């Protein structure tokens, strides 16, 4: 079945250029194909659009009405194509960016003024939450997530490593002692992060592959890392979180990293991800490149930036 839009294009060019052969050349098709498109268009409508003589083609009354409608439709399509092409080449328009709460406040929000300076036509809509979201269903353009991505249909780019640390306040360690082996953590008040299986409320994983596990308990749990940091700083217990949350306190001596017999688990990294697409808009590509540069070669939380 010949498509309706091409039929409209052929019809419009025939009227503008005065012949099927000229319209065919302008559209890069054979005269036979142009003739088929015109016949299919008139057949679908059940009316004649053109009077044909050996010397000229003239519009019927129905043809005049259909030409006006066709040209409006073709103009709308051309405008949509132009806008879409501009969207893929120019950094502009609204970017809906979803980021984990603590990482977003600490590391992403401070970078956004510079991003806006780089791209004045970019409008930023920042969403902060730690739950798993569906980008397409919820209308987000770009998401930043920590650790392994659950959705394999997304295209992801690694922004930075994500190292982990086990820490406690000096006051806590003075009262309860320094654990040296991960098994000793069972005797301590471990602050649980409810949104993680690997460093959750009842079991912590260690080693690069996460296969070393220890059961833990604690008198506090939370779904936000900053809340756990505040509790740890206050001497309430031991915390196991990414260094972007802990490094500032570690550098200040407020929290002390524990030297255990197994290293903290290695998360895959911090990623920017977007729905799979042949050619993502320029606003997505530029924003990801900006964050990659901002976190390279060493993330700011690891050098006091």
Protein backbone atom coordinates (compact mmCIF):
# COMPACT_ATOMS: atom_id res chain seq x y z
CA UNK A 1 0.00 0.00 0.00
CA UNK A 2 1.41 3.38 -1.03
CA UNK A 3 1.63 5.81 1.83
CA UNK A 4 -0.67 8.79 2.04
CA UNK A 5 1.97 11.41 2.85
CA UNK A 6 4.04 10.63 -0.25
CA UNK A 7 0.84 10.81 -2.28
CA UNK A 8 0.22 14.30 -0.88
CA UNK A 9 3.77 15.29 -1.76
CA UNK A 10 3.41 14.06 -5.32
CA UNK A 11 0.06 15.81 -5.70
CA UNK A 12 1.42 19.10 -4.36
CA UNK A 13 4.46 18.99 -6.64
CA UNK A 14 2.36 18.10 -9.68
CA UNK A 15 0.23 21.19 -9.10
CA UNK A 16 3.26 23.40 -8.42
CA UNK A 17 5.35 22.17 -11.37
CA UNK A 18 2.57 21.44 -13.85
CA UNK A 19 3.40 17.83 -14.75
CA UNK A 20 3.88 14.38 -13.32
CA UNK A 21 7.32 14.05 -14.89
CA UNK A 22 8.57 17.28 -13.28
CA UNK A 23 7.11 16.25 -9.91
CA UNK A 24 8.78 12.84 -10.17
CA UNK A 25 12.18 14.39 -10.91
CA UNK A 26 11.82 16.83 -8.00
CA UNK A 27 10.99 13.98 -5.61
CA UNK A 28 13.66 11.63 -6.94
CA UNK A 29 11.29 8.93 -8.17
CA UNK A 30 10.26 7.52 -11.53
CA UNK A 31 7.32 8.96 -13.43
CA UNK A 32 5.67 5.53 -13.20
CA UNK A 33 5.87 5.64 -9.40
CA UNK A 34 4.55 9.20 -9.30
CA UNK A 35 1.62 8.12 -11.47
CA UNK A 36 0.92 5.21 -9.10
CA UNK A 37 0.90 7.55 -6.10
CA UNK A 38 -1.56 9.88 -7.79
CA UNK A 39 -3.81 6.99 -8.81
CA UNK A 40 -3.68 5.53 -5.28
CA UNK A 41 -4.51 8.90 -3.75
CA UNK A 42 -7.50 9.49 -6.01
CA UNK A 43 -8.61 5.88 -5.58
CA UNK A 44 -8.51 6.18 -1.79
CA UNK A 45 -10.52 9.44 -1.89
CA UNK A 46 -12.92 8.22 -4.58
CA UNK A 47 -12.66 11.53 -6.46
CA UNK A 48 -10.69 13.16 -9.23
CA UNK A 49 -8.19 15.75 -8.06
CA UNK A 50 -6.90 16.74 -11.48
CA UNK A 51 -8.29 17.27 -14.95
CA UNK A 52 -5.79 15.74 -17.37
CA UNK A 53 -5.40 16.79 -21.02
CA UNK A 54 -2.55 16.22 -23.43
CA UNK A 55 -1.27 19.75 -22.76
CA UNK A 56 -1.94 20.48 -19.10
CA UNK A 57 -3.18 19.40 -15.71
CA UNK A 58 -5.73 21.52 -13.87
CA UNK A 59 -7.26 21.20 -10.43
CA UNK A 60 -10.81 20.08 -9.90
CA UNK A 61 -12.83 21.84 -7.20
CA UNK A 62 -12.24 18.87 -4.89
CA UNK A 63 -8.57 19.07 -5.81
CA UNK A 64 -8.36 22.70 -4.67
CA UNK A 65 -9.85 21.80 -1.29
CA UNK A 66 -7.59 18.78 -0.90
CA UNK A 67 -4.50 20.76 -1.98
CA UNK A 68 -5.05 23.36 0.76
CA UNK A 69 -5.39 20.63 3.39
CA UNK A 70 -2.40 18.71 2.03
CA UNK A 71 -0.13 21.73 2.07
CA UNK A 72 -1.07 22.49 5.67
CA UNK A 73 -0.28 18.89 6.66
CA UNK A 74 3.01 18.86 4.75
CA UNK A 75 4.03 22.17 6.36
CA UNK A 76 3.27 20.75 9.82
CA UNK A 77 5.36 17.66 9.04
CA UNK A 78 8.24 19.77 7.75
CA UNK A 79 8.12 21.93 10.89
CA UNK A 80 8.06 18.83 13.14
CA UNK A 81 11.04 17.40 11.24
CA UNK A 82 12.94 20.67 11.59
CA UNK A 83 12.24 20.91 15.31
CA UNK A 84 13.28 17.31 15.86
CA UNK A 85 16.48 17.80 13.86
CA UNK A 86 17.26 20.90 15.90
CA UNK A 87 16.64 18.97 19.11
CA UNK A 88 19.27 16.40 18.12
CA UNK A 89 21.90 19.00 17.25
CA UNK A 90 21.27 21.95 19.59
CA UNK A 91 21.49 21.78 23.39
CA UNK A 92 18.14 23.27 24.27
CA UNK A 93 14.76 22.51 25.81
CA UNK A 94 13.75 20.94 29.11
CA UNK A 95 15.91 18.16 30.55
CA UNK A 96 14.24 16.06 33.25
CA UNK A 97 17.04 14.58 35.34
CA UNK A 98 16.41 12.06 38.15
CA UNK A 99 19.16 11.53 40.75
CA UNK A 100 19.51 9.73 44.12
CA UNK A 101 18.76 12.14 46.96
CA UNK A 102 22.10 12.39 48.76
CA UNK A 103 24.26 12.21 45.65
CA UNK A 104 22.03 14.75 43.94
CA UNK A 105 22.24 17.27 46.76
CA UNK A 106 25.95 16.79 47.45
CA UNK A 107 27.44 16.31 44.00
CA UNK A 108 24.96 17.11 41.22
CA UNK A 109 23.17 20.24 42.43
CA UNK A 110 26.44 22.22 42.90
CA UNK A 111 27.35 21.48 39.26
CA UNK A 112 24.07 22.66 37.74
CA UNK A 113 24.85 26.40 37.67
CA UNK A 114 27.95 25.69 35.59
CA UNK A 115 25.94 23.38 33.33
CA UNK A 116 23.40 26.17 32.85
CA UNK A 117 26.19 28.63 32.03
CA UNK A 118 27.52 26.23 29.39
CA UNK A 119 24.08 25.76 27.81
CA UNK A 120 21.86 28.84 28.32
CA UNK A 121 19.00 27.32 26.27
CA UNK A 122 18.82 24.25 28.52
CA UNK A 123 16.00 24.15 31.09
CA UNK A 124 16.70 21.79 34.01
CA UNK A 125 14.10 19.84 35.96
CA UNK A 126 15.84 17.96 38.79
CA UNK A 127 14.09 15.12 40.59
CA UNK A 128 15.54 13.59 43.74
CA UNK A 129 14.61 10.11 44.92
CA UNK A 130 16.26 6.79 45.66
CA UNK A 131 13.58 4.40 44.43
CA UNK A 132 13.74 2.50 41.16
CA UNK A 133 11.94 4.49 38.48
CA UNK A 134 10.71 3.80 34.96
CA UNK A 135 12.09 6.60 32.80
CA UNK A 136 9.62 6.20 29.97
CA UNK A 137 6.48 5.80 32.08
CA UNK A 138 7.41 8.67 34.40
CA UNK A 139 8.75 10.97 31.69
CA UNK A 140 12.39 11.35 32.74
CA UNK A 141 15.03 12.05 30.08
CA UNK A 142 18.06 10.98 32.10
CA UNK A 143 18.72 9.15 35.35
CA UNK A 144 21.83 8.85 37.51
CA UNK A 145 22.03 5.65 39.50
CA UNK A 146 24.58 4.00 41.76
CA UNK A 147 25.62 0.36 41.39
CA UNK A 148 24.27 -2.22 39.00
CA UNK A 149 21.47 -1.04 36.72
CA UNK A 150 18.37 -3.22 36.78
CA UNK A 151 16.95 -2.19 33.41
CA UNK A 152 18.97 -3.67 30.54
CA UNK A 153 16.92 -1.72 27.97
CA UNK A 154 18.63 1.52 28.99
CA UNK A 155 21.86 2.84 27.56
CA UNK A 156 24.29 3.66 30.36
CA UNK A 157 27.58 5.50 30.64
CA UNK A 158 29.84 5.29 33.67
CA UNK A 159 30.46 8.67 35.27
CA UNK A 160 32.67 7.70 38.20
CA UNK A 161 33.72 4.81 40.42
CA UNK A 162 31.79 4.19 43.62
CA UNK A 163 34.00 3.02 46.47
CA UNK A 164 32.56 1.98 49.82
CA UNK A 165 33.81 2.40 53.38
CA UNK A 166 32.87 1.11 56.83
CA UNK A 167 33.19 3.86 59.44
CA UNK A 168 32.34 4.90 62.96
CA UNK A 169 32.82 7.97 65.14
CA UNK A 170 35.82 8.00 67.51
CA UNK A 171 33.40 8.24 70.45
CA UNK A 172 31.62 5.07 69.39
CA UNK A 173 34.88 3.17 68.98
CA UNK A 174 36.11 4.31 72.37
CA UNK A 175 32.98 2.94 74.00
CA UNK A 176 32.56 -0.26 72.00
CA UNK A 177 36.02 -1.09 70.64
CA UNK A 178 37.45 -1.44 67.11
CA UNK A 179 36.18 -4.46 65.18
CA UNK A 180 38.99 -6.10 63.16
CA UNK A 181 37.11 -8.92 61.48
CA UNK A 182 33.80 -8.69 59.68
CA UNK A 183 32.37 -11.38 61.99
CA UNK A 184 32.84 -8.97 64.90
CA UNK A 185 30.30 -6.63 63.33
CA UNK A 186 27.58 -8.91 64.69
CA UNK A 187 28.43 -7.53 68.13
CA UNK A 188 28.02 -3.89 67.09
CA UNK A 189 25.19 -1.48 66.36
CA UNK A 190 25.16 -1.41 62.56
CA UNK A 191 23.17 1.36 60.87
CA UNK A 192 21.12 -0.24 58.11
CA UNK A 193 20.27 1.23 54.71
CA UNK A 194 16.83 -0.08 53.78
CA UNK A 195 17.17 0.37 50.01
CA UNK A 196 20.18 -1.91 49.59
CA UNK A 197 20.53 -5.67 49.67
CA UNK A 198 24.31 -5.48 49.88
CA UNK A 199 24.60 -3.08 52.82
CA UNK A 200 21.10 -3.44 54.20
CA UNK A 201 19.54 -3.81 57.60
CA UNK A 202 20.34 -7.46 58.31
CA UNK A 203 23.30 -8.46 56.12
CA UNK A 204 26.41 -6.74 54.83
CA UNK A 205 28.47 -8.01 51.90
CA UNK A 206 32.25 -7.74 51.58
CA UNK A 207 34.96 -8.50 49.03
CA UNK A 208 35.12 -7.41 45.41
CA UNK A 209 32.53 -10.02 44.44
CA UNK A 210 30.37 -9.50 47.51
CA UNK A 211 30.46 -13.17 48.46
CA UNK A 212 31.66 -12.61 52.02
CA UNK A 213 28.57 -11.91 54.10
CA UNK A 214 27.93 -11.15 57.72
CA UNK A 215 24.64 -10.84 59.58
CA UNK A 216 24.20 -7.46 61.26
CA UNK A 217 21.67 -5.79 63.53
CA UNK A 218 21.16 -2.27 64.70
CA UNK A 219 18.84 0.06 66.52
CA UNK A 220 18.42 2.40 63.54
CA UNK A 221 17.70 2.02 59.86
CA UNK A 222 16.87 4.59 57.17
CA UNK A 223 16.18 4.91 53.46
CA UNK A 224 18.55 7.88 53.17
CA UNK A 225 22.33 7.86 53.46
CA UNK A 226 22.65 11.34 54.95
CA UNK A 227 20.41 10.35 57.84
CA UNK A 228 22.73 7.43 58.57
CA UNK A 229 25.80 9.66 58.33
CA UNK A 230 24.28 12.01 60.91
CA UNK A 231 23.63 9.06 63.24
CA UNK A 232 27.15 7.73 62.78
CA UNK A 233 28.70 11.16 63.43
CA UNK A 234 26.67 11.30 66.61
CA UNK A 235 28.29 8.08 67.81
CA UNK A 236 25.20 5.93 67.37
CA UNK A 237 26.79 3.09 65.40
CA UNK A 238 28.79 1.78 62.46
CA UNK A 239 27.96 2.91 58.94
CA UNK A 240 28.65 1.20 55.58
CA UNK A 241 28.11 3.65 52.72
CA UNK A 242 29.76 5.11 49.57
CA UNK A 243 32.69 7.46 50.08
CA UNK A 244 30.88 10.36 48.39
CA UNK A 245 28.78 10.37 51.59
CA UNK A 246 31.64 9.72 54.01
CA UNK A 247 34.84 11.28 52.65
CA UNK A 248 34.25 14.75 54.03
CA UNK A 249 33.77 13.35 57.54
CA UNK A 250 36.71 10.97 57.13
CA UNK A 251 39.02 13.81 56.06
CA UNK A 252 37.89 15.85 59.06
CA UNK A 253 38.47 12.96 61.46
CA UNK A 254 34.81 12.94 62.43
CA UNK A 255 34.46 9.38 61.16
CA UNK A 256 37.18 6.73 61.23
CA UNK A 257 37.42 4.03 58.51
CA UNK A 258 37.59 0.53 59.94
CA UNK A 259 40.38 -1.78 58.80
CA UNK A 260 38.63 -5.12 58.54
CA UNK A 261 39.89 -8.49 57.33
CA UNK A 262 37.82 -8.19 54.13
CA UNK A 263 37.61 -5.14 51.87
CA UNK A 264 34.31 -3.35 51.30
CA UNK A 265 32.24 -4.51 48.37
CA UNK A 266 33.04 -2.93 45.01
CA UNK A 267 30.00 -1.38 43.36
CA UNK A 268 30.07 -1.15 39.58
CA UNK A 269 30.07 2.63 39.61
CA UNK A 270 27.92 5.70 39.21
CA UNK A 271 26.07 5.75 35.90
CA UNK A 272 24.03 8.07 33.73
CA UNK A 273 21.36 6.18 31.81
CA UNK A 274 18.65 7.00 29.28
CA UNK A 275 16.11 4.98 27.28
CA UNK A 276 17.60 3.19 24.31
CA UNK A 277 17.49 5.40 21.26
CA UNK A 278 19.40 5.49 18.00
CA UNK A 279 20.34 9.11 18.49
CA UNK A 280 19.55 10.71 21.85
CA UNK A 281 18.88 14.46 21.83
CA UNK A 282 21.82 16.80 22.11
CA UNK A 283 20.68 17.90 25.58
CA UNK A 284 21.20 14.34 26.89
CA UNK A 285 24.55 13.82 25.18
CA UNK A 286 25.88 17.19 26.34
CA UNK A 287 24.73 16.70 29.94
CA UNK A 288 26.36 13.28 30.20
CA UNK A 289 29.61 14.61 28.72
CA UNK A 290 29.51 17.47 31.23
CA UNK A 291 29.21 15.12 34.20
CA UNK A 292 31.91 12.79 32.86
CA UNK A 293 34.29 15.75 32.66
CA UNK A 294 33.27 16.99 36.12
CA UNK A 295 34.04 13.63 37.72
CA UNK A 296 37.28 12.92 35.83
CA UNK A 297 39.97 11.91 36.36
CA UNK A 298 39.22 11.80 40.11
CA UNK A 299 35.75 12.47 41.58
CA UNK A 300 35.64 15.71 43.60
CA UNK A 301 34.69 13.94 46.84
CA UNK A 302 38.01 12.08 46.70
CA UNK A 303 40.22 15.14 46.45
CA UNK A 304 38.33 17.64 48.53
CA UNK A 305 36.77 19.32 45.50
